[in-house]
Protein backbone atom coordinates (compact mmCIF):
# COMPACT_ATOMS: atom_id res chain seq x y z
CA MET A 1 -2.91 33.86 -38.08
CA PHE A 2 -1.81 34.00 -34.47
CA GLY A 3 0.49 31.26 -33.19
CA GLN A 4 -1.59 28.78 -31.19
CA VAL A 5 -0.91 28.48 -27.46
CA SER A 6 -1.19 25.07 -25.78
CA ALA A 7 -3.02 25.15 -22.45
CA THR A 8 -2.09 22.27 -20.17
CA SER A 9 -5.19 22.18 -17.98
CA ASP A 10 -8.76 23.47 -17.76
CA ILE A 11 -7.64 26.03 -15.16
CA ASP A 12 -4.87 27.28 -17.47
CA LYS A 13 -7.32 27.46 -20.36
CA ARG A 14 -9.80 29.53 -18.38
CA ALA A 15 -7.20 32.04 -17.18
CA LEU A 16 -5.76 32.31 -20.67
CA VAL A 17 -9.13 32.80 -22.35
CA TRP A 18 -10.24 35.45 -19.85
CA PHE A 19 -7.01 37.40 -20.33
CA ILE A 20 -6.83 37.27 -24.12
CA THR A 21 -10.55 37.95 -24.58
CA SER A 22 -10.25 41.06 -22.44
CA GLU A 23 -7.09 42.23 -24.21
CA MET A 24 -8.43 41.68 -27.71
CA ASP A 25 -11.72 43.33 -26.89
CA GLN A 26 -9.95 46.49 -25.76
CA ASN A 27 -6.97 46.57 -28.12
CA VAL A 28 -8.12 48.25 -31.37
CA GLU A 29 -4.70 49.42 -32.46
CA LEU A 30 -3.54 46.07 -33.82
CA ALA A 31 -3.99 45.36 -37.50
CA PRO A 32 -7.13 43.23 -37.93
CA ILE A 33 -5.70 39.91 -39.09
CA ILE A 34 -9.15 38.60 -38.22
CA SER A 35 -11.90 41.18 -38.23
CA PHE A 36 -12.24 42.92 -34.86
CA ASP A 37 -15.96 42.24 -34.75
CA LYS A 38 -15.23 38.51 -34.73
CA LEU A 39 -14.02 38.48 -31.15
CA TYR A 40 -14.51 34.81 -30.41
CA GLU A 41 -12.81 33.73 -33.63
CA ARG A 42 -9.77 35.82 -32.71
CA VAL A 43 -9.63 34.29 -29.24
CA THR A 44 -9.94 30.81 -30.71
CA ALA A 45 -7.15 31.51 -33.18
CA ALA A 46 -4.86 32.84 -30.46
CA THR A 47 -5.48 30.15 -27.86
CA GLY A 48 -6.32 27.04 -29.83
CA VAL A 49 -9.40 26.63 -27.64
CA GLY A 50 -12.73 25.83 -29.29
CA GLU A 51 -15.09 28.74 -29.94
CA ARG A 52 -17.94 27.02 -28.12
CA PHE A 53 -15.82 26.80 -24.99
CA VAL A 54 -14.83 30.48 -25.32
CA ARG A 55 -18.47 31.59 -25.61
CA LYS A 56 -19.48 29.44 -22.66
CA LEU A 57 -16.69 30.80 -20.52
CA VAL A 58 -17.40 34.44 -21.37
CA LYS A 59 -21.07 33.91 -20.52
CA GLU A 60 -20.13 32.39 -17.16
CA LYS A 61 -17.85 35.36 -16.46
CA GLU A 62 -20.57 37.88 -17.32
CA GLN A 63 -23.09 36.11 -15.08
CA ALA A 64 -20.58 35.97 -12.25
CA ASP A 65 -19.86 39.70 -12.58
CA GLU A 66 -23.58 40.50 -12.47
CA THR A 67 -24.23 38.41 -9.38
CA GLY A 68 -20.95 39.21 -7.64
CA THR A 69 -19.98 35.57 -7.37
CA LYS A 70 -16.83 33.68 -8.24
CA ILE A 71 -16.53 31.24 -11.10
CA SER A 72 -15.74 27.77 -9.89
CA THR A 73 -12.75 26.21 -11.58
CA PRO A 74 -12.36 22.43 -11.84
CA GLY A 75 -9.65 21.10 -9.59
CA LYS A 76 -7.15 18.48 -10.58
CA LYS A 77 -8.18 14.93 -9.79
CA ARG A 78 -5.89 13.44 -7.20
CA LYS A 79 -5.47 9.77 -6.57
CA ARG A 80 -6.51 8.89 -3.07
CA THR A 81 -4.04 6.70 -1.29
CA LYS A 82 -5.52 4.27 1.17
CA GLY A 83 -3.73 4.03 4.48
CA LYS A 84 -2.22 0.59 4.82
CA ILE A 85 -2.57 -1.08 8.20
CA GLU A 86 0.60 -2.93 9.16
CA VAL A 87 0.04 -6.00 11.32
CA ASP A 88 3.10 -7.95 12.46
CA ASN A 89 3.34 -11.63 13.38
CA PHE A 90 2.83 -10.88 17.07
CA ASP A 91 -0.45 -9.09 16.39
CA LEU A 92 -1.57 -11.89 14.09
CA GLY A 93 -0.94 -14.31 16.94
CA VAL A 94 -3.00 -12.14 19.29
CA ILE A 95 -5.87 -12.05 16.80
CA ARG A 96 -5.81 -15.82 16.46
CA ARG A 97 -5.75 -16.34 20.24
CA LYS A 98 -8.61 -13.91 20.78
CA ILE A 99 -10.75 -15.84 18.32
CA HIS A 100 -10.09 -19.13 20.13
CA GLU A 101 -10.71 -17.41 23.46
CA PHE A 102 -14.22 -16.39 22.41
CA TYR A 103 -15.18 -20.00 21.67
CA SER A 104 -13.21 -21.90 24.32
CA MET A 105 -13.48 -19.57 27.31
CA ARG A 106 -16.24 -17.03 26.75
CA LYS A 107 -18.51 -19.50 24.96
CA GLU A 108 -19.74 -16.70 22.72
CA ILE A 109 -20.52 -16.55 19.03
CA LEU A 110 -17.90 -14.25 17.61
CA THR A 111 -18.79 -11.35 15.34
CA LEU A 112 -16.51 -8.96 13.52
CA ALA A 113 -17.80 -6.09 15.66
CA LYS A 114 -16.99 -7.93 18.91
CA LEU A 115 -13.54 -8.94 17.74
CA LEU A 116 -12.82 -5.44 16.47
CA ASN A 117 -13.70 -3.91 19.86
CA VAL A 118 -11.46 -6.35 21.72
CA LEU A 119 -8.51 -5.80 19.39
CA GLN A 120 -8.88 -2.03 19.59
CA GLU A 121 -8.54 -2.28 23.37
CA ASP A 122 -5.83 -4.95 23.56
CA ILE A 123 -3.44 -4.11 20.70
CA ASP A 124 -4.70 -0.66 19.68
CA PHE A 125 -5.86 -2.02 16.32
CA LYS A 126 -6.42 0.89 13.90
CA GLY A 127 -8.06 -0.94 11.01
CA SER A 128 -11.71 -1.02 9.99
CA ARG A 129 -14.07 -3.99 9.96
CA GLU A 130 -13.26 -4.61 6.31
CA THR A 131 -9.52 -4.56 7.05
CA LEU A 132 -10.04 -7.04 9.88
CA ARG A 133 -12.10 -9.30 7.63
CA LYS A 134 -9.25 -9.41 5.10
CA ILE A 135 -6.75 -10.22 7.85
CA LEU A 136 -8.94 -13.09 9.08
CA THR A 137 -9.06 -14.50 5.56
CA LYS A 138 -5.29 -14.17 5.28
CA ILE A 139 -4.62 -16.18 8.44
CA GLY A 140 -7.06 -18.91 7.48
CA PHE A 141 -10.44 -18.07 8.99
CA ARG A 142 -13.76 -17.98 7.20
CA TYR A 143 -17.45 -17.67 7.99
CA LYS A 144 -19.53 -20.80 7.62
CA LYS A 145 -23.12 -21.65 8.51
CA SER A 146 -23.33 -23.60 11.74
CA LYS A 147 -25.44 -26.76 11.69
CA LYS A 148 -25.90 -26.52 15.45
CA SER A 149 -27.27 -23.00 15.34
CA LYS A 150 -31.05 -22.78 15.19
CA SER A 151 -30.83 -19.41 13.45
CA ASN A 152 -28.56 -20.92 10.81
CA ARG A 153 -26.24 -17.95 11.28
CA LYS A 154 -22.65 -17.99 10.06
CA VAL A 155 -19.85 -18.42 12.57
CA LEU A 156 -16.15 -17.73 12.24
CA ILE A 157 -14.16 -20.94 11.95
CA GLU A 158 -10.65 -21.91 11.02
CA ARG A 159 -10.01 -23.67 7.74
CA ASN A 160 -10.01 -27.47 8.02
CA ASP A 161 -6.48 -27.92 6.71
CA ILE A 162 -5.05 -25.50 9.26
CA SER A 163 -6.97 -27.17 12.09
CA ALA A 164 -5.64 -30.53 10.89
CA TRP A 165 -2.06 -29.22 10.92
CA ARG A 166 -2.50 -28.05 14.51
CA ALA A 167 -4.07 -31.33 15.60
CA ASN A 168 -1.25 -33.28 13.96
CA TYR A 169 1.36 -31.12 15.67
CA LEU A 170 -0.27 -31.51 19.10
CA GLN A 171 -0.56 -35.27 18.57
CA ASN A 172 3.15 -35.53 17.78
CA ILE A 173 4.06 -33.47 20.84
CA TYR A 174 1.80 -35.60 23.04
CA GLU A 175 3.28 -38.87 21.76
CA ASN A 176 6.78 -37.54 22.31
CA GLU A 177 5.95 -36.56 25.89
CA CYS A 178 4.36 -39.93 26.68
CA GLY A 179 6.99 -42.13 25.04
CA GLU A 180 10.74 -42.00 24.81
CA LYS A 181 11.07 -38.26 25.01
CA LYS A 182 13.21 -36.69 22.35
CA PRO A 183 14.39 -33.08 22.26
CA VAL A 184 12.10 -30.81 20.24
CA ILE A 185 13.94 -28.26 18.13
CA PHE A 186 12.03 -25.43 16.44
CA LEU A 187 13.94 -24.37 13.36
CA ASP A 188 11.50 -21.73 12.17
CA GLU A 189 7.85 -20.75 12.11
CA THR A 190 5.77 -22.01 9.20
CA TYR A 191 2.52 -20.35 8.24
CA ILE A 192 -0.14 -21.12 5.67
CA HIS A 193 -1.70 -18.53 3.39
CA SER A 194 -5.36 -18.71 2.47
CA SER A 195 -4.18 -19.55 -1.05
CA HIS A 196 -2.78 -22.85 0.29
CA THR A 197 0.85 -21.87 -0.27
CA ALA A 198 3.33 -22.40 2.52
CA GLY A 199 5.97 -19.89 3.46
CA ARG A 200 8.32 -19.02 6.26
CA CYS A 201 8.28 -16.06 8.59
């Protein structure tokens, strides 16, 4: 028996089968370890590839030769890497301010499309709508149905706990300004993840 050859990919197998099939079909000087009329068995023995695959491949090659076309070979599957959009703390602050600006100054109901257009102009935001939606969730915003809206449409609002933190901070600053004023020292910036875990920038 011939020593079996291990083909590492479908492309390698195809090239190997085409070559050996052609060689064995033409080479009649070798001693017939397997009878010469059993072409596909000899190819299978030499390559380790199944006979059904050999027959299928030879048929494809014959049809391609008749029609003058090329046989398509399967390409290797490549993992697609998604481009990651980096957004720093400054940009996150801009996004937050733009959201508040829509409600406090423009008096408009904010949509992802509107916000995306503004951010693309102001900070050259490169992400998609889905990327922006994930960022909004990360910094504590969510869509909720508005009781005041007749259409019962969802509006973008900040999470209650984050709003409460801001209100508490502003209240403390106001009381300090109105009373016996004490120096305010900012040691660091604290942020809140949507998973309710606190961290430091």
